[in-house]
Amino acid sequence: MEELEPGTYDGVVVDAEELDDDALSLEIALTSGPHKGAVVRVRGPRSGRDAVSVLGLPVTIDVRDDGIRVAF
């Protein structure tokens, strides 16, 4: 899949994996916008969350030129 254009996207976490460096890898199915139905993978700090606790949670992805932010 191509990179997402800057903007805000809604999604739901469909898979998550805890990584060795205290990070989480998330697979998020997009539920809005032109890429609706696509699955994207993002990686970030665990911030006290574990992989099981985030499964099925709705998220908002904010894509900017300087990076991506995922809000639960």
PDB file of N, CA and C in Angstrom:
ATOM      1  N   MET A   1       0.823  -1.180   0.000  1.00  0.00           N
ATOM      2  CA  MET A   1       0.000   0.000   0.000  1.00  0.00           C
ATOM      3  C   MET A   1       0.867   1.243   0.000  1.00  0.00           C
ATOM      4  N   GLU A   2       0.391   2.292  -0.621  1.00  0.00           N
ATOM      5  CA  GLU A   2       1.090   3.569  -0.632  1.00  0.00           C
ATOM      6  C   GLU A   2       1.068   4.185   0.758  1.00  0.00           C
ATOM      7  N   GLU A   3       1.913   5.172   0.961  1.00  0.00           N
ATOM      8  CA  GLU A   3       1.888   5.901   2.220  1.00  0.00           C
ATOM      9  C   GLU A   3       0.605   6.710   2.303  1.00  0.00           C
ATOM     10  N   LEU A   4       0.120   6.905   3.526  1.00  0.00           N
ATOM     11  CA  LEU A   4      -1.069   7.717   3.728  1.00  0.00           C
ATOM     12  C   LEU A   4      -0.720   9.190   3.557  1.00  0.00           C
ATOM     13  N   GLU A   5      -1.620   9.909   2.921  1.00  0.00           N
ATOM     14  CA  GLU A   5      -1.451  11.351   2.781  1.00  0.00           C
ATOM     15  C   GLU A   5      -1.695  12.005   4.140  1.00  0.00           C
ATOM     16  N   PRO A   6      -1.120  13.175   4.375  1.00  0.00           N
ATOM     17  CA  PRO A   6      -1.397  13.877   5.633  1.00  0.00           C
ATOM     18  C   PRO A   6      -2.900  14.040   5.821  1.00  0.00           C
ATOM     19  N   GLY A   7      -3.345  13.811   7.042  1.00  0.00           N
ATOM     20  CA  GLY A   7      -4.755  13.915   7.366  1.00  0.00           C
ATOM     21  C   GLY A   7      -5.084  13.056   8.576  1.00  0.00           C
ATOM     22  N   THR A   8      -6.364  12.957   8.868  1.00  0.00           N
ATOM     23  CA  THR A   8      -6.836  12.192  10.012  1.00  0.00           C
ATOM     24  C   THR A   8      -7.663  11.017   9.522  1.00  0.00           C
ATOM     25  N   TYR A   9      -7.403   9.846  10.093  1.00  0.00           N
ATOM     26  CA  TYR A   9      -8.071   8.608   9.691  1.00  0.00           C
ATOM     27  C   TYR A   9      -8.581   7.888  10.933  1.00  0.00           C
ATOM     28  N   ASP A  10      -9.758   7.297  10.839  1.00  0.00           N
ATOM     29  CA  ASP A  10     -10.290   6.460  11.909  1.00  0.00           C
ATOM     30  C   ASP A  10      -9.965   5.016  11.589  1.00  0.00           C
ATOM     31  N   GLY A  11      -9.793   4.206  12.631  1.00  0.00           N
ATOM     32  CA  GLY A  11      -9.490   2.802  12.411  1.00  0.00           C
ATOM     33  C   GLY A  11      -9.763   1.987  13.652  1.00  0.00           C
ATOM     34  N   VAL A  12      -9.476   0.691  13.547  1.00  0.00           N
ATOM     35  CA  VAL A  12      -9.614  -0.230  14.666  1.00  0.00           C
ATOM     36  C   VAL A  12      -8.397  -1.158  14.667  1.00  0.00           C
ATOM     37  N   VAL A  13      -7.861  -1.431  15.851  1.00  0.00           N
ATOM     38  CA  VAL A  13      -6.692  -2.301  15.982  1.00  0.00           C
ATOM     39  C   VAL A  13      -7.114  -3.746  15.737  1.00  0.00           C
ATOM     40  N   VAL A  14      -6.527  -4.377  14.715  1.00  0.00           N
ATOM     41  CA  VAL A  14      -6.872  -5.760  14.386  1.00  0.00           C
ATOM     42  C   VAL A  14      -5.773  -6.748  14.768  1.00  0.00           C
ATOM     43  N   ASP A  15      -4.572  -6.244  15.052  1.00  0.00           N
ATOM     44  CA  ASP A  15      -3.493  -7.101  15.515  1.00  0.00           C
ATOM     45  C   ASP A  15      -2.475  -6.218  16.229  1.00  0.00           C
ATOM     46  N   ALA A  16      -1.816  -6.796  17.223  1.00  0.00           N
ATOM     47  CA  ALA A  16      -0.796  -6.060  17.973  1.00  0.00           C
ATOM     48  C   ALA A  16       0.268  -7.035  18.440  1.00  0.00           C
ATOM     49  N   GLU A  17       1.491  -6.540  18.498  1.00  0.00           N
ATOM     50  CA  GLU A  17       2.605  -7.371  18.932  1.00  0.00           C
ATOM     51  C   GLU A  17       3.529  -6.536  19.805  1.00  0.00           C
ATOM     52  N   GLU A  18       3.921  -7.099  20.946  1.00  0.00           N
ATOM     53  CA  GLU A  18       4.896  -6.448  21.810  1.00  0.00           C
ATOM     54  C   GLU A  18       6.288  -6.753  21.277  1.00  0.00           C
ATOM     55  N   LEU A  19       7.085  -5.720  21.104  1.00  0.00           N
ATOM     56  CA  LEU A  19       8.438  -5.869  20.569  1.00  0.00           C
ATOM     57  C   LEU A  19       9.466  -5.810  21.696  1.00  0.00           C
ATOM     58  N   ASP A  20      10.658  -6.299  21.424  1.00  0.00           N
ATOM     59  CA  ASP A  20      11.712  -6.398  22.427  1.00  0.00           C
ATOM     60  C   ASP A  20      12.167  -5.056  22.986  1.00  0.00           C
ATOM     61  N   ASP A  21      12.022  -3.988  22.231  1.00  0.00           N
ATOM     62  CA  ASP A  21      12.531  -2.684  22.666  1.00  0.00           C
ATOM     63  C   ASP A  21      11.451  -1.827  23.331  1.00  0.00           C
ATOM     64  N   ASP A  22      10.512  -2.479  24.046  1.00  0.00           N
ATOM     65  CA  ASP A  22       9.432  -1.803  24.769  1.00  0.00           C
ATOM     66  C   ASP A  22       8.536  -0.995  23.838  1.00  0.00           C
ATOM     67  N   ALA A  23       8.317  -1.548  22.647  1.00  0.00           N
ATOM     68  CA  ALA A  23       7.455  -0.908  21.659  1.00  0.00           C
ATOM     69  C   ALA A  23       6.307  -1.850  21.299  1.00  0.00           C
ATOM     70  N   LEU A  24       5.295  -1.294  20.662  1.00  0.00           N
ATOM     71  CA  LEU A  24       4.181  -2.076  20.125  1.00  0.00           C
ATOM     72  C   LEU A  24       4.145  -1.906  18.618  1.00  0.00           C
ATOM     73  N   SER A  25       3.854  -2.979  17.935  1.00  0.00           N
ATOM     74  CA  SER A  25       3.567  -2.937  16.508  1.00  0.00           C
ATOM     75  C   SER A  25       2.070  -3.166  16.382  1.00  0.00           C
ATOM     76  N   LEU A  26       1.380  -2.235  15.722  1.00  0.00           N
ATOM     77  CA  LEU A  26      -0.071  -2.314  15.575  1.00  0.00           C
ATOM     78  C   LEU A  26      -0.454  -2.454  14.113  1.00  0.00           C
ATOM     79  N   GLU A  27      -1.402  -3.329  13.837  1.00  0.00           N
ATOM     80  CA  GLU A  27      -2.041  -3.371  12.520  1.00  0.00           C
ATOM     81  C   GLU A  27      -3.421  -2.778  12.717  1.00  0.00           C
ATOM     82  N   ILE A  28      -3.715  -1.755  11.918  1.00  0.00           N
ATOM     83  CA  ILE A  28      -4.947  -0.987  12.070  1.00  0.00           C
ATOM     84  C   ILE A  28      -5.717  -1.019  10.766  1.00  0.00           C
ATOM     85  N   ALA A  29      -6.969  -1.466  10.838  1.00  0.00           N
ATOM     86  CA  ALA A  29      -7.849  -1.439   9.668  1.00  0.00           C
ATOM     87  C   ALA A  29      -8.526  -0.073   9.639  1.00  0.00           C
ATOM     88  N   LEU A  30      -8.365   0.631   8.538  1.00  0.00           N
ATOM     89  CA  LEU A  30      -8.952   1.960   8.409  1.00  0.00           C
ATOM     90  C   LEU A  30     -10.455   1.845   8.178  1.00  0.00           C
ATOM     91  N   THR A  31     -11.208   2.693   8.864  1.00  0.00           N
ATOM     92  CA  THR A  31     -12.669   2.636   8.782  1.00  0.00           C
ATOM     93  C   THR A  31     -13.278   3.884   8.169  1.00  0.00           C
ATOM     94  N   SER A  32     -12.439   4.786   7.696  1.00  0.00           N
ATOM     95  CA  SER A  32     -12.950   6.003   7.057  1.00  0.00           C
ATOM     96  C   SER A  32     -11.945   6.497   6.022  1.00  0.00           C
ATOM     97  N   GLY A  33     -12.397   7.406   5.191  1.00  0.00           N
ATOM     98  CA  GLY A  33     -11.513   8.041   4.228  1.00  0.00           C
ATOM     99  C   GLY A  33     -11.314   7.232   2.959  1.00  0.00           C
ATOM    100  N   PRO A  34     -10.473   7.759   2.075  1.00  0.00           N
ATOM    101  CA  PRO A  34     -10.275   7.120   0.769  1.00  0.00           C
ATOM    102  C   PRO A  34      -9.589   5.753   0.839  1.00  0.00           C
ATOM    103  N   HIS A  35      -8.951   5.446   1.952  1.00  0.00           N
ATOM    104  CA  HIS A  35      -8.267   4.160   2.104  1.00  0.00           C
ATOM    105  C   HIS A  35      -9.070   3.189   2.980  1.00  0.00           C
ATOM    106  N   LYS A  36     -10.357   3.456   3.156  1.00  0.00           N
ATOM    107  CA  LYS A  36     -11.211   2.626   4.001  1.00  0.00           C
ATOM    108  C   LYS A  36     -11.045   1.150   3.626  1.00  0.00           C
ATOM    109  N   GLY A  37     -10.840   0.310   4.633  1.00  0.00           N
ATOM    110  CA  GLY A  37     -10.655  -1.124   4.415  1.00  0.00           C
ATOM    111  C   GLY A  37      -9.197  -1.537   4.345  1.00  0.00           C
ATOM    112  N   ALA A  38      -8.308  -0.593   4.114  1.00  0.00           N
ATOM    113  CA  ALA A  38      -6.876  -0.913   4.066  1.00  0.00           C
ATOM    114  C   ALA A  38      -6.369  -1.178   5.479  1.00  0.00           C
ATOM    115  N   VAL A  39      -5.334  -1.997   5.585  1.00  0.00           N
ATOM    116  CA  VAL A  39      -4.695  -2.269   6.869  1.00  0.00           C
ATOM    117  C   VAL A  39      -3.308  -1.650   6.834  1.00  0.00           C
ATOM    118  N   VAL A  40      -3.025  -0.824   7.845  1.00  0.00           N
ATOM    119  CA  VAL A  40      -1.713  -0.181   7.938  1.00  0.00           C
ATOM    120  C   VAL A  40      -1.016  -0.666   9.197  1.00  0.00           C
ATOM    121  N   ARG A  41       0.284  -0.647   9.174  1.00  0.00           N
ATOM    122  CA  ARG A  41       1.085  -1.057  10.337  1.00  0.00           C
ATOM    123  C   ARG A  41       1.834   0.163  10.846  1.00  0.00           C
ATOM    124  N   VAL A  42       1.747   0.363  12.147  1.00  0.00           N
ATOM    125  CA  VAL A  42       2.494   1.442  12.798  1.00  0.00           C
ATOM    126  C   VAL A  42       3.216   0.861  14.000  1.00  0.00           C
ATOM    127  N   ARG A  43       4.247   1.554  14.416  1.00  0.00           N
ATOM    128  CA  ARG A  43       5.068   1.100  15.530  1.00  0.00           C
ATOM    129  C   ARG A  43       5.316   2.280  16.437  1.00  0.00           C
ATOM    130  N   GLY A  44       5.235   2.043  17.741  1.00  0.00           N
ATOM    131  CA  GLY A  44       5.479   3.129  18.677  1.00  0.00           C
ATOM    132  C   GLY A  44       5.695   2.604  20.081  1.00  0.00           C
ATOM    133  N   PRO A  45       5.913   3.509  21.032  1.00  0.00           N
ATOM    134  CA  PRO A  45       6.169   3.100  22.409  1.00  0.00           C
ATOM    135  C   PRO A  45       4.941   2.436  23.030  1.00  0.00           C
ATOM    136  N   ARG A  46       5.187   1.487  23.927  1.00  0.00           N
ATOM    137  CA  ARG A  46       4.076   0.770  24.589  1.00  0.00           C
ATOM    138  C   ARG A  46       3.275   1.691  25.484  1.00  0.00           C
ATOM    139  N   SER A  47       3.903   2.646  26.119  1.00  0.00           N
ATOM    140  CA  SER A  47       3.217   3.606  27.001  1.00  0.00           C
ATOM    141  C   SER A  47       2.301   2.909  27.996  1.00  0.00           C
ATOM    142  N   GLY A  48       2.795   1.808  28.589  1.00  0.00           N
ATOM    143  CA  GLY A  48       2.036   1.109  29.606  1.00  0.00           C
ATOM    144  C   GLY A  48       0.954   0.180  29.090  1.00  0.00           C
ATOM    145  N   ARG A  49       0.842   0.018  27.792  1.00  0.00           N
ATOM    146  CA  ARG A  49      -0.182  -0.859  27.210  1.00  0.00           C
ATOM    147  C   ARG A  49       0.452  -2.180  26.796  1.00  0.00           C
ATOM    148  N   ASP A  50      -0.355  -3.241  26.796  1.00  0.00           N
ATOM    149  CA  ASP A  50       0.130  -4.511  26.268  1.00  0.00           C
ATOM    150  C   ASP A  50      -0.682  -4.856  25.023  1.00  0.00           C
ATOM    151  N   ALA A  51      -0.197  -5.802  24.257  1.00  0.00           N
ATOM    152  CA  ALA A  51      -0.803  -6.129  22.963  1.00  0.00           C
ATOM    153  C   ALA A  51      -2.258  -6.565  23.096  1.00  0.00           C
ATOM    154  N   VAL A  52      -2.567  -7.366  24.090  1.00  0.00           N
ATOM    155  CA  VAL A  52      -3.932  -7.870  24.238  1.00  0.00           C
ATOM    156  C   VAL A  52      -4.904  -6.746  24.581  1.00  0.00           C
ATOM    157  N   SER A  53      -4.480  -5.792  25.388  1.00  0.00           N
ATOM    158  CA  SER A  53      -5.393  -4.733  25.838  1.00  0.00           C
ATOM    159  C   SER A  53      -5.790  -3.764  24.728  1.00  0.00           C
ATOM    160  N   VAL A  54      -5.044  -3.713  23.638  1.00  0.00           N
ATOM    161  CA  VAL A  54      -5.382  -2.774  22.564  1.00  0.00           C
ATOM    162  C   VAL A  54      -6.175  -3.409  21.424  1.00  0.00           C
ATOM    163  N   LEU A  55      -6.268  -4.740  21.405  1.00  0.00           N
ATOM    164  CA  LEU A  55      -7.005  -5.409  20.322  1.00  0.00           C
ATOM    165  C   LEU A  55      -8.460  -4.957  20.300  1.00  0.00           C
ATOM    166  N   GLY A  56      -8.918  -4.578  19.130  1.00  0.00           N
ATOM    167  CA  GLY A  56     -10.310  -4.174  18.949  1.00  0.00           C
ATOM    168  C   GLY A  56     -10.610  -2.738  19.317  1.00  0.00           C
ATOM    169  N   LEU A  57      -9.617  -2.014  19.833  1.00  0.00           N
ATOM    170  CA  LEU A  57      -9.874  -0.628  20.215  1.00  0.00           C
ATOM    171  C   LEU A  57      -9.970   0.281  18.993  1.00  0.00           C
ATOM    172  N   PRO A  58     -10.889   1.252  19.036  1.00  0.00           N
ATOM    173  CA  PRO A  58     -10.925   2.255  17.983  1.00  0.00           C
ATOM    174  C   PRO A  58      -9.764   3.232  18.179  1.00  0.00           C
ATOM    175  N   VAL A  59      -9.217   3.708  17.079  1.00  0.00           N
ATOM    176  CA  VAL A  59      -8.113   4.661  17.134  1.00  0.00           C
ATOM    177  C   VAL A  59      -8.323   5.751  16.093  1.00  0.00           C
ATOM    178  N   THR A  60      -7.634   6.846  16.318  1.00  0.00           N
ATOM    179  CA  THR A  60      -7.541   7.910  15.327  1.00  0.00           C
ATOM    180  C   THR A  60      -6.078   8.042  14.959  1.00  0.00           C
ATOM    181  N   ILE A  61      -5.796   8.024  13.677  1.00  0.00           N
ATOM    182  CA  ILE A  61      -4.431   8.178  13.181  1.00  0.00           C
ATOM    183  C   ILE A  61      -4.304   9.575  12.597  1.00  0.00           C
ATOM    184  N   ASP A  62      -3.351  10.331  13.099  1.00  0.00           N
ATOM    185  CA  ASP A  62      -3.089  11.681  12.596  1.00  0.00           C
ATOM    186  C   ASP A  62      -1.760  11.633  11.849  1.00  0.00           C
ATOM    187  N   VAL A  63      -1.821  11.757  10.532  1.00  0.00           N
ATOM    188  CA  VAL A  63      -0.622  11.701   9.685  1.00  0.00           C
ATOM    189  C   VAL A  63      -0.203  13.127   9.368  1.00  0.00           C
ATOM    190  N   ARG A  64       1.036  13.441   9.710  1.00  0.00           N
ATOM    191  CA  ARG A  64       1.590  14.772   9.427  1.00  0.00           C
ATOM    192  C   ARG A  64       2.924  14.594   8.723  1.00  0.00           C
ATOM    193  N   ASP A  65       3.429  15.676   8.200  1.00  0.00           N
ATOM    194  CA  ASP A  65       4.725  15.618   7.523  1.00  0.00           C
ATOM    195  C   ASP A  65       5.845  15.186   8.463  1.00  0.00           C
ATOM    196  N   ASP A  66       5.692  15.474   9.765  1.00  0.00           N
ATOM    197  CA  ASP A  66       6.751  15.147  10.707  1.00  0.00           C
ATOM    198  C   ASP A  66       6.535  13.834  11.450  1.00  0.00           C
ATOM    199  N   GLY A  67       5.499  13.057  11.075  1.00  0.00           N
ATOM    200  CA  GLY A  67       5.294  11.764  11.701  1.00  0.00           C
ATOM    201  C   GLY A  67       3.831  11.383  11.838  1.00  0.00           C
ATOM    202  N   ILE A  68       3.609  10.293  12.543  1.00  0.00           N
ATOM    203  CA  ILE A  68       2.265   9.741  12.716  1.00  0.00           C
ATOM    204  C   ILE A  68       1.970   9.638  14.208  1.00  0.00           C
ATOM    205  N   ARG A  69       0.770  10.034  14.597  1.00  0.00           N
ATOM    206  CA  ARG A  69       0.343   9.899  15.991  1.00  0.00           C
ATOM    207  C   ARG A  69      -0.916   9.046  16.002  1.00  0.00           C
ATOM    208  N   VAL A  70      -0.957   8.054  16.905  1.00  0.00           N
ATOM    209  CA  VAL A  70      -2.123   7.193  17.085  1.00  0.00           C
ATOM    210  C   VAL A  70      -2.720   7.504  18.440  1.00  0.00           C
ATOM    211  N   ALA A  71      -4.006   7.838  18.468  1.00  0.00           N
ATOM    212  CA  ALA A  71      -4.719   8.115  19.720  1.00  0.00           C
ATOM    213  C   ALA A  71      -5.787   7.067  19.937  1.00  0.00           C
ATOM    214  N   PHE A  72      -5.790   6.469  21.134  1.00  0.00           N
ATOM    215  CA  PHE A  72      -6.787   5.457  21.475  1.00  0.00           C
ATOM    216  C   PHE A  72      -8.036   6.134  22.002  1.00  0.00           C
TER     217      PHE A  72
END
